[in-house]
Amino acid sequence: MPVDHEFGGQHTELKLSIVEGYLNAYTLALRTYFKHLWYIDAFAGTGSRTVRTERRGATLVETPVPEVIEKRRGSAQIALDVNPAFDFIVFIEKNRNYAAALHDLAAKYLQRRIFVAEEDANSALKSLVANNSWLDKRAVVFLDPYGMEVEWTTLQALAGTEAIDVWFLFPLAGLFRQATRKLTDIDDHKRTALTRMFGSDSWETELYPSGAPDMFGDLPERRRELDPRGLERYVQRRLSEIFAAVLDPLALPIDRGPQMFSLFLCISNKSPEAIGLARRIGNYLLDPKRHLIIRPPTQ
């Protein structure tokens, strides 16, 4: 029985088109130099997604639009369609039903090397990194978590290979919710989640600096002053501590507020040539000017 994976909007189409553009350019550029090119999708879903367009009634200037339900390609199917093709593709998906759909998808490509891992993404990625030599391999990892699942230790493992480019759809709205305005409002659950995400509790002093005492010697309440864009810059700085280069992210959704995500490209290879190539491709794809929607003026 087919599994419906219904999600997405304009920002989903955009992030997938950007990743697809990078994957096609990546295999084309590196095919001559490396025998083993891998693609790893850490939150792979089902391979397809159901998109529902709501019905709209007629207006004075518009005809009615019926409800439309259609299947579109997800990141897993997009990776399979890349040309030149990847030598090895890994789909990681903890959801049992989604993983079953990925097994069905892989069965349609028996001539391809495809592995479906039904387990936690952090554990699977760290195991994959530890159990392989990366001297003769290059890979792209796509991190599109359902929430704040990605651990700092996982990012460190990926960066340590010096062979993997990481596309990371960072859940900026999740960080904004967890890192409440006042430090005293952060409970143990939020504190654990933030420490897991950033690898230590240094975020407490970095996001909630201590002020100078007042004339009575009392310290002011520690508050987060950074807005979403400030938090995005903080995340980029932290990622840059472990990756060789981190490109300026694309804020998503691009057509409306508030910002929910930041799409990062993180490069682990320290070679200037590798960084230069990834920058040229990535900066072009992430340029917000390419994705602006021009709307007609209202009457």
Foldseek 3Di string as FASTA:
>chain_A
DDDAAADDDPVQVLVLVLVLLCLQVVCVVCVVPFPAEEEEELAQFQQKHKYWDDWDPDDPPDHTDHIDIDIGGGNVVSLCPHPVHGQAYEYEHQDPNSLVSVVVVVVVCVVGHYYYHNDHSLVVLLVVLVPDQQPRYAYEYEADDPALRDFPVSLLSQLVNLRYKYWHWAFLVRVDVLQDFFPVPRDPVSQVSVCRRLVHSVCCCVQFPWDAADPVRDTDTTGGPDDSVSVLVVVLVSSVVRALDKDAWAFPPLADDDTGTTTIITGNNNDPVVVVVCCVSNCVSRPVVVVDDDDDDDD
